[in-house]
Amino acid sequence: MDELTNRKQSLSDPGRPAEAELSTIRVVVVGPPGLLRTALAAVLAAAPGFELVGESEPDHQLTDRVVTRRPHVVLVDLDAIEDPAVLTGRWHARLPDCAVVVLTSRRTARVLRRALGARVRGIIAKDVPPRELLDQLRLVAEGQRMIDPVTALAALDAAVNPLNEREREVTAAAARGLSTKEIAAHLHLAPGTVRNHLSVVLRKTGARNRWEAVLRAQDAGWI
């Protein structure tokens, strides 16, 4: 279990007036131990106007750790979070004014849907330059919403769903790991009809098998 670590901003001036202190953006970084979290912590700890008040793994004690630090912004590695809506729901309940910003390497419609479902205020790509990251965090802390443009465009491209309602139902059932017979029983269809629908889904998604079709449909936001 990773302990939440304080890394006070080395450039802070203890003698500055209270008004300047109020303008400091307090940030907690959430993600697995590794190069990304270490790099983010270093950037935030050295940036004027920011204070890194903690970093932590996304474990079962995370909510208490975040709340005790009273951050203005929580910066989360979305790729390491299984259910972001559950975590952010707990934070919003106890820190209603805290903004959640997620970092992701997958810029898809599904990512956007997951993030917006978790009521995040910012979606930022992991390959963003440090200066741009800090600029976006400042805007988020001021109350603005920041969405990575590539992710937003992916969501717009996914607006036209090539799957009809029955094909979406079959694909969604396949995404749950159900077999053809189980999908048929669940949707009250014949197994042959399910296979026909899956063949059409493979063609429309350009996938080689049902698992690839499920992933493509999820990433595109079709199911």
Protein backbone atom coordinates (compact mmCIF):
# COMPACT_ATOMS: atom_id res chain seq x y z
CA MET A 1 0.00 0.00 0.00
CA ASP A 2 1.39 3.32 -1.03
CA GLU A 3 1.44 6.05 1.57
CA LEU A 4 0.13 9.44 0.63
CA THR A 5 3.16 11.69 0.39
CA ASN A 6 3.48 15.40 1.02
CA ARG A 7 5.80 17.22 -1.32
CA LYS A 8 5.64 20.90 -0.46
CA GLN A 9 6.37 23.31 -3.25
CA SER A 10 10.05 24.19 -2.94
CA LEU A 11 9.58 27.63 -4.43
CA SER A 12 6.85 28.75 -2.00
CA ASP A 13 7.51 31.82 0.12
CA PRO A 14 6.27 31.43 3.72
CA GLY A 15 6.24 35.19 4.11
CA ARG A 16 3.89 36.00 1.24
CA PRO A 17 0.47 37.53 2.04
CA ALA A 18 -2.69 35.51 2.60
CA GLU A 19 -4.16 36.65 -0.75
CA ALA A 20 -1.33 34.90 -2.63
CA GLU A 21 -1.84 31.72 -0.61
CA LEU A 22 -5.49 31.57 -1.70
CA SER A 23 -4.41 31.55 -5.35
CA THR A 24 -2.31 28.40 -4.90
CA ILE A 25 -3.88 25.35 -6.53
CA ARG A 26 -3.69 22.29 -4.30
CA VAL A 27 -3.40 19.04 -6.28
CA VAL A 28 -3.49 15.33 -5.43
CA VAL A 29 -2.17 12.88 -8.04
CA VAL A 30 -3.80 9.43 -8.22
CA GLY A 31 -2.28 6.54 -10.11
CA PRO A 32 -0.12 3.43 -9.78
CA PRO A 33 3.53 3.89 -8.77
CA GLY A 34 5.70 4.47 -11.79
CA LEU A 35 7.27 6.94 -14.16
CA LEU A 36 4.07 8.83 -15.00
CA ARG A 37 3.09 9.55 -11.40
CA THR A 38 6.65 10.45 -10.46
CA ALA A 39 6.90 12.84 -13.42
CA LEU A 40 3.57 14.48 -12.64
CA ALA A 41 4.54 14.91 -9.00
CA ALA A 42 7.83 16.53 -9.99
CA VAL A 43 6.16 18.92 -12.44
CA LEU A 44 3.50 20.00 -9.95
CA ALA A 45 5.90 20.30 -7.02
CA ALA A 46 8.09 22.71 -8.98
CA ALA A 47 5.37 24.75 -10.71
CA PRO A 48 4.66 28.26 -9.39
CA GLY A 49 1.07 28.60 -8.27
CA PHE A 50 0.67 24.88 -7.53
CA GLU A 51 1.10 22.81 -4.40
CA LEU A 52 1.35 19.05 -4.62
CA VAL A 53 -0.39 17.99 -1.43
CA GLY A 54 -0.28 14.26 -2.06
CA GLU A 55 -0.07 11.28 -4.38
CA SER A 56 -1.64 7.86 -3.95
CA GLU A 57 -2.52 4.54 -5.50
CA PRO A 58 -6.19 3.98 -6.40
CA ASP A 59 -6.86 1.60 -3.50
CA HIS A 60 -9.72 1.23 -1.00
CA GLN A 61 -8.31 3.95 1.30
CA LEU A 62 -7.99 6.51 -1.46
CA THR A 63 -11.12 8.50 -0.64
CA ASP A 64 -10.07 9.19 2.94
CA ARG A 65 -6.59 10.18 1.80
CA VAL A 66 -7.93 12.61 -0.79
CA VAL A 67 -10.45 14.19 1.57
CA THR A 68 -7.90 14.81 4.32
CA ARG A 69 -5.68 16.75 1.89
CA ARG A 70 -8.50 19.13 0.81
CA PRO A 71 -7.27 19.54 -2.78
CA HIS A 72 -8.70 21.93 -5.34
CA VAL A 73 -7.94 19.42 -8.10
CA VAL A 74 -7.51 15.63 -8.16
CA LEU A 75 -5.49 14.47 -11.17
CA VAL A 76 -6.31 10.82 -11.95
CA ASP A 77 -4.77 8.24 -14.26
CA LEU A 78 -8.05 7.07 -15.84
CA ASP A 79 -6.41 4.00 -17.38
CA ALA A 80 -5.72 2.69 -13.85
CA ILE A 81 -9.26 3.17 -12.52
CA GLU A 82 -11.80 0.38 -12.99
CA ASP A 83 -14.90 2.40 -12.08
CA PRO A 84 -14.17 6.14 -11.97
CA ALA A 85 -17.79 7.04 -11.27
CA VAL A 86 -17.70 5.26 -7.92
CA LEU A 87 -14.57 7.09 -6.79
CA THR A 88 -15.56 10.52 -8.00
CA GLY A 89 -19.02 10.10 -6.51
CA ARG A 90 -17.45 9.68 -3.09
CA TRP A 91 -15.19 12.69 -3.61
CA HIS A 92 -18.01 14.93 -4.81
CA ALA A 93 -20.08 13.98 -1.77
CA ARG A 94 -17.33 15.03 0.63
CA LEU A 95 -15.49 17.65 -1.45
CA PRO A 96 -18.17 19.24 -3.65
CA ASP A 97 -15.89 22.05 -4.84
CA CYS A 98 -13.01 19.78 -5.83
CA ALA A 99 -12.45 19.34 -9.58
CA VAL A 100 -11.52 15.93 -10.98
CA VAL A 101 -9.25 15.79 -14.04
CA VAL A 102 -8.39 12.53 -15.77
CA LEU A 103 -5.37 11.62 -17.85
CA THR A 104 -5.77 8.97 -20.54
CA SER A 105 -3.79 7.35 -23.33
CA ARG A 106 -6.95 6.12 -25.10
CA ARG A 107 -8.71 9.00 -26.80
CA THR A 108 -12.02 7.41 -27.75
CA ALA A 109 -15.73 8.01 -27.43
CA ARG A 110 -15.88 5.36 -24.72
CA VAL A 111 -13.28 7.24 -22.66
CA LEU A 112 -15.28 10.43 -23.00
CA ARG A 113 -18.47 8.66 -21.93
CA ARG A 114 -16.76 7.10 -18.88
CA ALA A 115 -15.26 10.43 -17.88
CA LEU A 116 -18.43 12.44 -18.26
CA GLY A 117 -20.34 9.74 -16.39
CA ALA A 118 -17.91 10.28 -13.54
CA ARG A 119 -18.58 14.05 -13.62
CA VAL A 120 -14.98 14.99 -14.31
CA ARG A 121 -14.15 18.55 -15.21
CA GLY A 122 -11.16 17.80 -17.42
CA ILE A 123 -9.97 15.11 -19.84
CA ILE A 124 -6.30 15.47 -20.79
CA ALA A 125 -4.11 13.24 -22.96
CA LYS A 126 -1.07 11.69 -21.30
CA ASP A 127 1.24 12.99 -24.02
CA VAL A 128 0.38 16.63 -23.38
CA PRO A 129 3.46 18.86 -22.74
CA PRO A 130 3.97 19.86 -19.07
CA ARG A 131 3.33 23.56 -19.67
CA GLU A 132 0.05 22.81 -21.44
CA LEU A 133 -0.96 20.46 -18.63
CA LEU A 134 -0.42 23.20 -16.06
CA ASP A 135 -2.35 25.73 -18.17
CA GLN A 136 -5.29 23.36 -18.41
CA LEU A 137 -5.23 22.60 -14.69
CA ARG A 138 -5.35 26.33 -13.96
CA LEU A 139 -8.43 26.72 -16.17
CA VAL A 140 -10.11 23.75 -14.54
CA ALA A 141 -9.37 25.15 -11.08
CA GLU A 142 -11.07 28.37 -12.21
CA GLY A 143 -14.23 26.45 -13.01
CA GLN A 144 -13.82 25.76 -16.73
CA ARG A 145 -14.19 22.35 -18.37
CA MET A 146 -11.32 21.06 -20.50
CA ILE A 147 -11.80 18.16 -22.95
CA ASP A 148 -8.99 16.82 -25.08
CA PRO A 149 -9.93 17.78 -28.69
CA VAL A 150 -8.97 14.40 -30.18
CA THR A 151 -11.26 12.65 -27.70
CA ALA A 152 -14.06 15.10 -28.46
CA LEU A 153 -13.68 14.48 -32.21
CA ALA A 154 -13.76 10.71 -31.64
CA ALA A 155 -17.07 11.15 -29.86
CA LEU A 156 -18.46 13.19 -32.74
CA ASP A 157 -17.33 10.58 -35.27
CA ALA A 158 -19.10 7.92 -33.20
CA ALA A 159 -22.38 9.82 -33.32
CA VAL A 160 -23.48 7.84 -36.40
CA ASN A 161 -23.91 4.30 -35.08
CA PRO A 162 -23.95 1.68 -37.87
CA LEU A 163 -25.48 -0.96 -35.57
CA ASN A 164 -29.24 -1.23 -35.36
CA GLU A 165 -30.99 -1.77 -32.03
CA ARG A 166 -30.92 -5.58 -32.16
CA GLU A 167 -27.25 -5.63 -33.20
CA ARG A 168 -26.41 -3.35 -30.29
CA GLU A 169 -28.25 -5.68 -27.90
CA VAL A 170 -26.39 -8.72 -29.23
CA THR A 171 -23.03 -6.94 -29.07
CA ALA A 172 -23.70 -5.69 -25.55
CA ALA A 173 -24.57 -9.22 -24.47
CA ALA A 174 -21.38 -10.52 -26.09
CA ALA A 175 -19.45 -7.86 -24.16
CA ARG A 176 -20.70 -9.51 -20.95
CA GLY A 177 -18.99 -12.73 -22.00
CA LEU A 178 -22.19 -14.61 -22.86
CA SER A 179 -22.02 -17.50 -25.32
CA THR A 180 -24.17 -17.63 -28.44
CA LYS A 181 -26.70 -19.89 -26.70
CA GLU A 182 -26.76 -17.63 -23.63
CA ILE A 183 -27.28 -14.53 -25.79
CA ALA A 184 -30.11 -16.31 -27.59
CA ALA A 185 -31.80 -17.23 -24.31
CA HIS A 186 -31.29 -13.73 -22.88
CA LEU A 187 -32.75 -11.97 -25.93
CA HIS A 188 -35.34 -14.66 -26.74
CA LEU A 189 -33.80 -15.36 -30.14
CA ALA A 190 -32.78 -18.49 -31.97
CA PRO A 191 -29.02 -19.28 -31.80
CA GLY A 192 -28.86 -19.08 -35.59
CA THR A 193 -30.34 -15.58 -35.50
CA VAL A 194 -27.72 -14.51 -32.95
CA ARG A 195 -24.95 -15.86 -35.18
CA ASN A 196 -26.38 -13.92 -38.12
CA HIS A 197 -26.45 -10.71 -36.08
CA LEU A 198 -22.88 -11.28 -34.92
CA SER A 199 -21.76 -11.79 -38.53
CA VAL A 200 -23.28 -8.46 -39.46
CA VAL A 201 -21.63 -6.79 -36.46
CA LEU A 202 -18.25 -8.20 -37.52
CA ARG A 203 -18.73 -6.79 -41.00
CA LYS A 204 -19.87 -3.36 -39.81
CA THR A 205 -17.05 -3.01 -37.28
CA GLY A 206 -14.39 -4.53 -39.56
CA ALA A 207 -13.44 -6.96 -36.78
CA ARG A 208 -12.00 -10.45 -37.13
CA ASN A 209 -13.87 -11.95 -34.18
CA ARG A 210 -16.57 -11.07 -31.69
CA TRP A 211 -14.14 -9.86 -29.00
CA GLU A 212 -12.50 -7.44 -31.40
CA ALA A 213 -15.97 -6.32 -32.51
CA VAL A 214 -16.97 -5.69 -28.90
CA LEU A 215 -13.86 -3.60 -28.24
CA ARG A 216 -14.34 -1.55 -31.40
CA ALA A 217 -17.99 -0.94 -30.62
CA GLN A 218 -17.14 0.08 -27.06
CA ASP A 219 -14.35 2.41 -28.12
CA ALA A 220 -16.62 4.03 -30.69
CA GLY A 221 -19.38 4.49 -28.14
CA TRP A 222 -21.84 2.30 -30.07
CA ILE A 223 -22.77 0.14 -27.09
